[in-house]
PDB file of N, CA and C in Angstrom:
ATOM      1  N   MET A   1      31.656 -11.816  -9.575  1.00  0.00           N
ATOM      2  CA  MET A   1      30.841 -12.910  -8.907  1.00  0.00           C
ATOM      3  C   MET A   1      32.343 -13.139  -7.871  1.00  0.00           C
ATOM      4  N   THR A   2      31.764 -13.378  -6.666  1.00  0.00           N
ATOM      5  CA  THR A   2      32.829 -13.540  -5.496  1.00  0.00           C
ATOM      6  C   THR A   2      33.192 -14.808  -5.431  1.00  0.00           C
ATOM      7  N   ALA A   3      34.037 -15.127  -4.939  1.00  0.00           N
ATOM      8  CA  ALA A   3      34.956 -16.652  -4.987  1.00  0.00           C
ATOM      9  C   ALA A   3      34.734 -16.932  -3.399  1.00  0.00           C
ATOM     10  N   THR A   4      34.391 -18.091  -3.040  1.00  0.00           N
ATOM     11  CA  THR A   4      34.317 -18.353  -1.606  1.00  0.00           C
ATOM     12  C   THR A   4      35.204 -19.611  -1.498  1.00  0.00           C
ATOM     13  N   ARG A   5      35.585 -19.914  -0.023  1.00  0.00           N
ATOM     14  CA  ARG A   5      36.532 -21.001   0.021  1.00  0.00           C
ATOM     15  C   ARG A   5      35.389 -22.283   0.388  1.00  0.00           C
ATOM     16  N   THR A   6      35.939 -23.138  -0.114  1.00  0.00           N
ATOM     17  CA  THR A   6      35.023 -24.646   0.180  1.00  0.00           C
ATOM     18  C   THR A   6      36.309 -25.371   1.130  1.00  0.00           C
ATOM     19  N   GLU A   7      36.153 -25.072   2.510  1.00  0.00           N
ATOM     20  CA  GLU A   7      36.601 -25.809   3.277  1.00  0.00           C
ATOM     21  C   GLU A   7      35.726 -26.606   4.307  1.00  0.00           C
ATOM     22  N   SER A   8      36.403 -27.704   4.971  1.00  0.00           N
ATOM     23  CA  SER A   8      35.314 -28.444   5.569  1.00  0.00           C
ATOM     24  C   SER A   8      34.972 -27.800   6.967  1.00  0.00           C
ATOM     25  N   ALA A   9      34.024 -28.093   7.430  1.00  0.00           N
ATOM     26  CA  ALA A   9      33.951 -27.366   8.988  1.00  0.00           C
ATOM     27  C   ALA A   9      34.712 -27.837   9.967  1.00  0.00           C
ATOM     28  N   ALA A  10      35.205 -26.939  10.696  1.00  0.00           N
ATOM     29  CA  ALA A  10      36.214 -27.279  11.918  1.00  0.00           C
ATOM     30  C   ALA A  10      35.490 -28.397  12.822  1.00  0.00           C
ATOM     31  N   PRO A  11      35.916 -29.628  13.446  1.00  0.00           N
ATOM     32  CA  PRO A  11      35.320 -30.055  14.459  1.00  0.00           C
ATOM     33  C   PRO A  11      34.977 -29.377  15.875  1.00  0.00           C
ATOM     34  N   ARG A  12      34.329 -29.760  16.135  1.00  0.00           N
ATOM     35  CA  ARG A  12      33.801 -28.682  17.532  1.00  0.00           C
ATOM     36  C   ARG A  12      34.435 -29.501  18.744  1.00  0.00           C
ATOM     37  N   PRO A  13      34.641 -28.665  19.718  1.00  0.00           N
ATOM     38  CA  PRO A  13      35.335 -29.332  20.476  1.00  0.00           C
ATOM     39  C   PRO A  13      34.378 -30.000  21.583  1.00  0.00           C
ATOM     40  N   SER A  14      34.257 -30.735  22.315  1.00  0.00           N
ATOM     41  CA  SER A  14      33.346 -31.929  23.082  1.00  0.00           C
ATOM     42  C   SER A  14      33.331 -31.368  24.278  1.00  0.00           C
ATOM     43  N   GLY A  15      33.344 -30.058  24.567  1.00  0.00           N
ATOM     44  CA  GLY A  15      32.914 -29.594  26.017  1.00  0.00           C
ATOM     45  C   GLY A  15      33.310 -28.153  26.041  1.00  0.00           C
ATOM     46  N   GLY A  16      32.683 -27.601  27.068  1.00  0.00           N
ATOM     47  CA  GLY A  16      32.831 -26.006  27.420  1.00  0.00           C
ATOM     48  C   GLY A  16      32.273 -25.211  25.931  1.00  0.00           C
ATOM     49  N   ARG A  17      32.736 -24.084  26.230  1.00  0.00           N
ATOM     50  CA  ARG A  17      32.191 -23.166  25.276  1.00  0.00           C
ATOM     51  C   ARG A  17      33.306 -22.900  24.295  1.00  0.00           C
ATOM     52  N   GLY A  18      34.498 -23.252  24.367  1.00  0.00           N
ATOM     53  CA  GLY A  18      35.380 -23.499  23.126  1.00  0.00           C
ATOM     54  C   GLY A  18      35.735 -22.244  22.653  1.00  0.00           C
ATOM     55  N   GLY A  19      35.759 -20.814  23.142  1.00  0.00           N
ATOM     56  CA  GLY A  19      36.093 -19.698  22.246  1.00  0.00           C
ATOM     57  C   GLY A  19      34.998 -19.121  21.491  1.00  0.00           C
ATOM     58  N   LYS A  20      33.644 -19.764  21.358  1.00  0.00           N
ATOM     59  CA  LYS A  20      32.704 -19.383  20.213  1.00  0.00           C
ATOM     60  C   LYS A  20      32.484 -17.691  20.275  1.00  0.00           C
ATOM     61  N   PRO A  21      32.302 -17.225  21.583  1.00  0.00           N
ATOM     62  CA  PRO A  21      31.939 -15.679  21.460  1.00  0.00           C
ATOM     63  C   PRO A  21      33.213 -14.697  20.610  1.00  0.00           C
ATOM     64  N   THR A  22      34.555 -15.332  21.109  1.00  0.00           N
ATOM     65  CA  THR A  22      35.376 -14.707  20.420  1.00  0.00           C
ATOM     66  C   THR A  22      35.626 -14.840  18.807  1.00  0.00           C
ATOM     67  N   ARG A  23      35.028 -15.973  18.505  1.00  0.00           N
ATOM     68  CA  ARG A  23      34.965 -16.500  16.945  1.00  0.00           C
ATOM     69  C   ARG A  23      33.971 -15.622  16.319  1.00  0.00           C
ATOM     70  N   PHE A  24      32.810 -15.486  17.089  1.00  0.00           N
ATOM     71  CA  PHE A  24      31.625 -15.035  16.814  1.00  0.00           C
ATOM     72  C   PHE A  24      31.999 -13.495  16.462  1.00  0.00           C
ATOM     73  N   VAL A  25      32.420 -12.948  17.327  1.00  0.00           N
ATOM     74  CA  VAL A  25      32.941 -11.349  17.210  1.00  0.00           C
ATOM     75  C   VAL A  25      33.860 -11.249  16.081  1.00  0.00           C
ATOM     76  N   ARG A  26      35.238 -12.133  15.929  1.00  0.00           N
ATOM     77  CA  ARG A  26      35.816 -11.927  14.585  1.00  0.00           C
ATOM     78  C   ARG A  26      35.564 -12.392  13.480  1.00  0.00           C
ATOM     79  N   GLU A  27      34.672 -13.024  13.246  1.00  0.00           N
ATOM     80  CA  GLU A  27      33.667 -13.615  11.843  1.00  0.00           C
ATOM     81  C   GLU A  27      32.650 -12.307  11.673  1.00  0.00           C
ATOM     82  N   SER A  28      32.083 -11.613  12.860  1.00  0.00           N
ATOM     83  CA  SER A  28      31.283 -10.460  12.549  1.00  0.00           C
ATOM     84  C   SER A  28      31.891  -9.442  12.055  1.00  0.00           C
ATOM     85  N   ILE A  29      33.102  -9.257  12.506  1.00  0.00           N
ATOM     86  CA  ILE A  29      33.984  -8.067  12.189  1.00  0.00           C
ATOM     87  C   ILE A  29      34.469  -8.287  10.751  1.00  0.00           C
ATOM     88  N   SER A  30      34.873  -9.336  10.522  1.00  0.00           N
ATOM     89  CA  SER A  30      35.239  -9.736   8.869  1.00  0.00           C
ATOM     90  C   SER A  30      33.985  -9.589   7.943  1.00  0.00           C
ATOM     91  N   GLU A  31      32.985 -10.074   8.282  1.00  0.00           N
ATOM     92  CA  GLU A  31      31.789  -9.779   7.511  1.00  0.00           C
ATOM     93  C   GLU A  31      31.182  -8.133   7.400  1.00  0.00           C
ATOM     94  N   MET A  32      31.626  -7.277   8.256  1.00  0.00           N
ATOM     95  CA  MET A  32      31.058  -5.900   8.410  1.00  0.00           C
ATOM     96  C   MET A  32      32.269  -5.649   7.235  1.00  0.00           C
ATOM     97  N   ARG A  33      33.289  -5.921   7.278  1.00  0.00           N
ATOM     98  CA  ARG A  33      34.484  -5.236   6.368  1.00  0.00           C
ATOM     99  C   ARG A  33      33.920  -5.671   4.875  1.00  0.00           C
ATOM    100  N   LYS A  34      33.148  -6.680   4.716  1.00  0.00           N
ATOM    101  CA  LYS A  34      32.946  -6.772   3.352  1.00  0.00           C
ATOM    102  C   LYS A  34      31.633  -5.959   2.805  1.00  0.00           C
ATOM    103  N   VAL A  35      30.763  -5.325   3.632  1.00  0.00           N
ATOM    104  CA  VAL A  35      29.816  -4.745   3.369  1.00  0.00           C
ATOM    105  C   VAL A  35      30.086  -3.554   2.533  1.00  0.00           C
ATOM    106  N   LEU A  36      29.307  -3.124   1.449  1.00  0.00           N
ATOM    107  CA  LEU A  36      29.675  -2.025   0.578  1.00  0.00           C
ATOM    108  C   LEU A  36      28.568  -0.925   1.371  1.00  0.00           C
ATOM    109  N   TRP A  37      29.214   0.249   1.876  1.00  0.00           N
ATOM    110  CA  TRP A  37      28.435   0.935   2.696  1.00  0.00           C
ATOM    111  C   TRP A  37      28.264   2.225   1.752  1.00  0.00           C
ATOM    112  N   PRO A  38      26.913   2.522   1.878  1.00  0.00           N
ATOM    113  CA  PRO A  38      26.540   3.801   1.095  1.00  0.00           C
ATOM    114  C   PRO A  38      27.469   4.962   1.107  1.00  0.00           C
ATOM    115  N   SER A  39      27.616   5.861   0.281  1.00  0.00           N
ATOM    116  CA  SER A  39      28.095   7.190   0.554  1.00  0.00           C
ATOM    117  C   SER A  39      27.050   8.113   1.340  1.00  0.00           C
ATOM    118  N   ARG A  40      27.601   9.440   1.762  1.00  0.00           N
ATOM    119  CA  ARG A  40      26.468  10.302   2.463  1.00  0.00           C
ATOM    120  C   ARG A  40      25.404  10.538   1.458  1.00  0.00           C
ATOM    121  N   ASN A  41      25.800  10.635   0.427  1.00  0.00           N
ATOM    122  CA  ASN A  41      24.690  11.237  -0.714  1.00  0.00           C
ATOM    123  C   ASN A  41      23.776  10.068  -1.000  1.00  0.00           C
ATOM    124  N   GLU A  42      24.131   8.938  -1.024  1.00  0.00           N
ATOM    125  CA  GLU A  42      23.232   7.809  -1.235  1.00  0.00           C
ATOM    126  C   GLU A  42      22.505   7.592  -0.039  1.00  0.00           C
ATOM    127  N   LEU A  43      23.128   7.490   1.142  1.00  0.00           N
ATOM    128  CA  LEU A  43      22.175   7.572   2.240  1.00  0.00           C
ATOM    129  C   LEU A  43      21.013   8.530   2.711  1.00  0.00           C
ATOM    130  N   VAL A  44      21.611   9.710   2.162  1.00  0.00           N
ATOM    131  CA  VAL A  44      20.525  10.965   2.449  1.00  0.00           C
ATOM    132  C   VAL A  44      19.358  10.703   1.593  1.00  0.00           C
ATOM    133  N   THR A  45      19.852  10.430   0.272  1.00  0.00           N
ATOM    134  CA  THR A  45      18.696  10.031  -0.819  1.00  0.00           C
ATOM    135  C   THR A  45      17.732   8.845  -0.630  1.00  0.00           C
ATOM    136  N   TYR A  46      18.281   7.691   0.125  1.00  0.00           N
ATOM    137  CA  TYR A  46      17.629   6.577   0.272  1.00  0.00           C
ATOM    138  C   TYR A  46      16.680   7.035   1.422  1.00  0.00           C
ATOM    139  N   SER A  47      17.362   7.735   2.344  1.00  0.00           N
ATOM    140  CA  SER A  47      16.477   8.195   3.652  1.00  0.00           C
ATOM    141  C   SER A  47      15.248   9.137   3.250  1.00  0.00           C
ATOM    142  N   ILE A  48      15.499  10.061   2.260  1.00  0.00           N
ATOM    143  CA  ILE A  48      14.168  10.812   1.855  1.00  0.00           C
ATOM    144  C   ILE A  48      13.175  10.025   1.136  1.00  0.00           C
ATOM    145  N   VAL A  49      13.588   9.062   0.261  1.00  0.00           N
ATOM    146  CA  VAL A  49      12.654   8.077  -0.262  1.00  0.00           C
ATOM    147  C   VAL A  49      12.056   7.158   0.507  1.00  0.00           C
ATOM    148  N   VAL A  50      12.490   6.869   1.847  1.00  0.00           N
ATOM    149  CA  VAL A  50      12.058   6.012   2.711  1.00  0.00           C
ATOM    150  C   VAL A  50      10.736   6.829   3.572  1.00  0.00           C
ATOM    151  N   ILE A  51      11.287   7.884   3.939  1.00  0.00           N
ATOM    152  CA  ILE A  51      10.365   8.675   4.659  1.00  0.00           C
ATOM    153  C   ILE A  51       9.128   9.352   3.816  1.00  0.00           C
ATOM    154  N   ILE A  52       9.155   9.580   2.498  1.00  0.00           N
ATOM    155  CA  ILE A  52       8.244  10.188   1.797  1.00  0.00           C
ATOM    156  C   ILE A  52       7.295   8.823   1.338  1.00  0.00           C
ATOM    157  N   PHE A  53       8.034   7.669   1.291  1.00  0.00           N
ATOM    158  CA  PHE A  53       6.947   6.407   1.155  1.00  0.00           C
ATOM    159  C   PHE A  53       6.242   6.056   2.421  1.00  0.00           C
ATOM    160  N   VAL A  54       6.900   6.178   3.331  1.00  0.00           N
ATOM    161  CA  VAL A  54       6.303   6.092   4.616  1.00  0.00           C
ATOM    162  C   VAL A  54       5.050   7.047   5.189  1.00  0.00           C
ATOM    163  N   VAL A  55       5.454   8.373   4.631  1.00  0.00           N
ATOM    164  CA  VAL A  55       4.475   9.246   4.770  1.00  0.00           C
ATOM    165  C   VAL A  55       2.917   9.133   3.970  1.00  0.00           C
ATOM    166  N   ILE A  56       3.398   8.646   2.503  1.00  0.00           N
ATOM    167  CA  ILE A  56       2.248   8.436   1.741  1.00  0.00           C
ATOM    168  C   ILE A  56       1.425   7.135   2.294  1.00  0.00           C
ATOM    169  N   MET A  57       2.187   6.214   2.602  1.00  0.00           N
ATOM    170  CA  MET A  57       1.301   4.799   3.051  1.00  0.00           C
ATOM    171  C   MET A  57       0.891   5.235   4.458  1.00  0.00           C
ATOM    172  N   VAL A  58       0.910   5.925   5.463  1.00  0.00           N
ATOM    173  CA  VAL A  58       0.478   6.282   6.626  1.00  0.00           C
ATOM    174  C   VAL A  58      -0.762   7.354   6.251  1.00  0.00           C
ATOM    175  N   SER A  59      -0.435   8.095   5.353  1.00  0.00           N
ATOM    176  CA  SER A  59      -1.856   8.824   4.931  1.00  0.00           C
ATOM    177  C   SER A  59      -3.023   7.958   4.193  1.00  0.00           C
ATOM    178  N   LEU A  60      -2.500   7.215   3.260  1.00  0.00           N
ATOM    179  CA  LEU A  60      -3.244   6.237   2.896  1.00  0.00           C
ATOM    180  C   LEU A  60      -4.186   5.215   3.684  1.00  0.00           C
ATOM    181  N   VAL A  61      -3.638   4.916   4.704  1.00  0.00           N
ATOM    182  CA  VAL A  61      -4.143   3.723   5.809  1.00  0.00           C
ATOM    183  C   VAL A  61      -4.970   4.750   6.688  1.00  0.00           C
ATOM    184  N   ALA A  62      -4.593   6.188   7.023  1.00  0.00           N
ATOM    185  CA  ALA A  62      -5.302   6.883   7.806  1.00  0.00           C
ATOM    186  C   ALA A  62      -6.572   7.330   7.324  1.00  0.00           C
ATOM    187  N   GLY A  63      -6.539   7.702   5.900  1.00  0.00           N
ATOM    188  CA  GLY A  63      -7.634   8.097   5.137  1.00  0.00           C
ATOM    189  C   GLY A  63      -8.857   6.743   5.085  1.00  0.00           C
ATOM    190  N   LEU A  64      -8.020   5.593   4.553  1.00  0.00           N
ATOM    191  CA  LEU A  64      -8.952   4.657   4.633  1.00  0.00           C
ATOM    192  C   LEU A  64      -9.634   4.505   5.983  1.00  0.00           C
ATOM    193  N   ASP A  65      -8.675   4.509   7.052  1.00  0.00           N
ATOM    194  CA  ASP A  65      -9.333   4.373   8.580  1.00  0.00           C
ATOM    195  C   ASP A  65     -10.643   5.209   8.771  1.00  0.00           C
ATOM    196  N   ILE A  66     -10.257   6.508   8.540  1.00  0.00           N
ATOM    197  CA  ILE A  66     -11.397   7.702   8.649  1.00  0.00           C
ATOM    198  C   ILE A  66     -12.456   7.248   7.880  1.00  0.00           C
ATOM    199  N   GLY A  67     -12.271   7.033   6.608  1.00  0.00           N
ATOM    200  CA  GLY A  67     -13.502   6.552   5.796  1.00  0.00           C
ATOM    201  C   GLY A  67     -14.222   5.576   6.084  1.00  0.00           C
ATOM    202  N   PHE A  68     -13.627   4.249   6.543  1.00  0.00           N
ATOM    203  CA  PHE A  68     -14.362   3.333   7.237  1.00  0.00           C
ATOM    204  C   PHE A  68     -14.983   3.615   8.536  1.00  0.00           C
ATOM    205  N   ALA A  69     -14.545   4.431   9.076  1.00  0.00           N
ATOM    206  CA  ALA A  69     -15.102   4.601  10.577  1.00  0.00           C
ATOM    207  C   ALA A  69     -16.430   5.567  10.087  1.00  0.00           C
ATOM    208  N   LYS A  70     -16.341   6.368   9.157  1.00  0.00           N
ATOM    209  CA  LYS A  70     -17.438   7.150   8.806  1.00  0.00           C
ATOM    210  C   LYS A  70     -18.488   6.371   8.257  1.00  0.00           C
ATOM    211  N   LEU A  71     -18.142   5.242   7.241  1.00  0.00           N
ATOM    212  CA  LEU A  71     -19.083   4.312   7.035  1.00  0.00           C
ATOM    213  C   LEU A  71     -19.922   3.513   7.882  1.00  0.00           C
ATOM    214  N   VAL A  72     -19.094   2.971   8.872  1.00  0.00           N
ATOM    215  CA  VAL A  72     -19.539   2.184   9.961  1.00  0.00           C
ATOM    216  C   VAL A  72     -20.490   2.942  10.680  1.00  0.00           C
ATOM    217  N   LEU A  73     -20.271   4.397  10.978  1.00  0.00           N
ATOM    218  CA  LEU A  73     -21.173   5.353  11.672  1.00  0.00           C
ATOM    219  C   LEU A  73     -22.554   5.611  10.942  1.00  0.00           C
ATOM    220  N   LEU A  74     -21.968   5.672   9.848  1.00  0.00           N
ATOM    221  CA  LEU A  74     -23.538   5.898   9.018  1.00  0.00           C
ATOM    222  C   LEU A  74     -24.455   4.863   8.927  1.00  0.00           C
ATOM    223  N   VAL A  75     -23.880   3.609   8.744  1.00  0.00           N
ATOM    224  CA  VAL A  75     -24.520   2.232   8.658  1.00  0.00           C
ATOM    225  C   VAL A  75     -25.428   2.025  10.011  1.00  0.00           C
ATOM    226  N   PHE A  76     -24.513   1.847  11.208  1.00  0.00           N
ATOM    227  CA  PHE A  76     -24.799   1.303  12.454  1.00  0.00           C
ATOM    228  C   PHE A  76     -25.266   2.756  13.306  1.00  0.00           C
ATOM    229  N   GLY A  77     -25.374   3.895  12.610  1.00  0.00           N
ATOM    230  CA  GLY A  77     -25.586   5.113  13.432  1.00  0.00           C
ATOM    231  C   GLY A  77     -25.362   5.447  14.864  1.00  0.00           C
TER     232      GLY A  77
END
């Protein structure tokens, strides 16, 4: 379980942009450092699984599409 800081939100400046873009970039970089990135082996494995799943789903949808098209042509001629 990770610990989080419980601090109150800083008061917002009452005008102008107040450095929001730089704060956003700093916080984004900080969050990206917390991410557990997959190893190359995990990345290749996950990519292969996704590609196989997508191919299966595309085949299923294409098969149903062709089947329904033939059925519509058979019924409505």
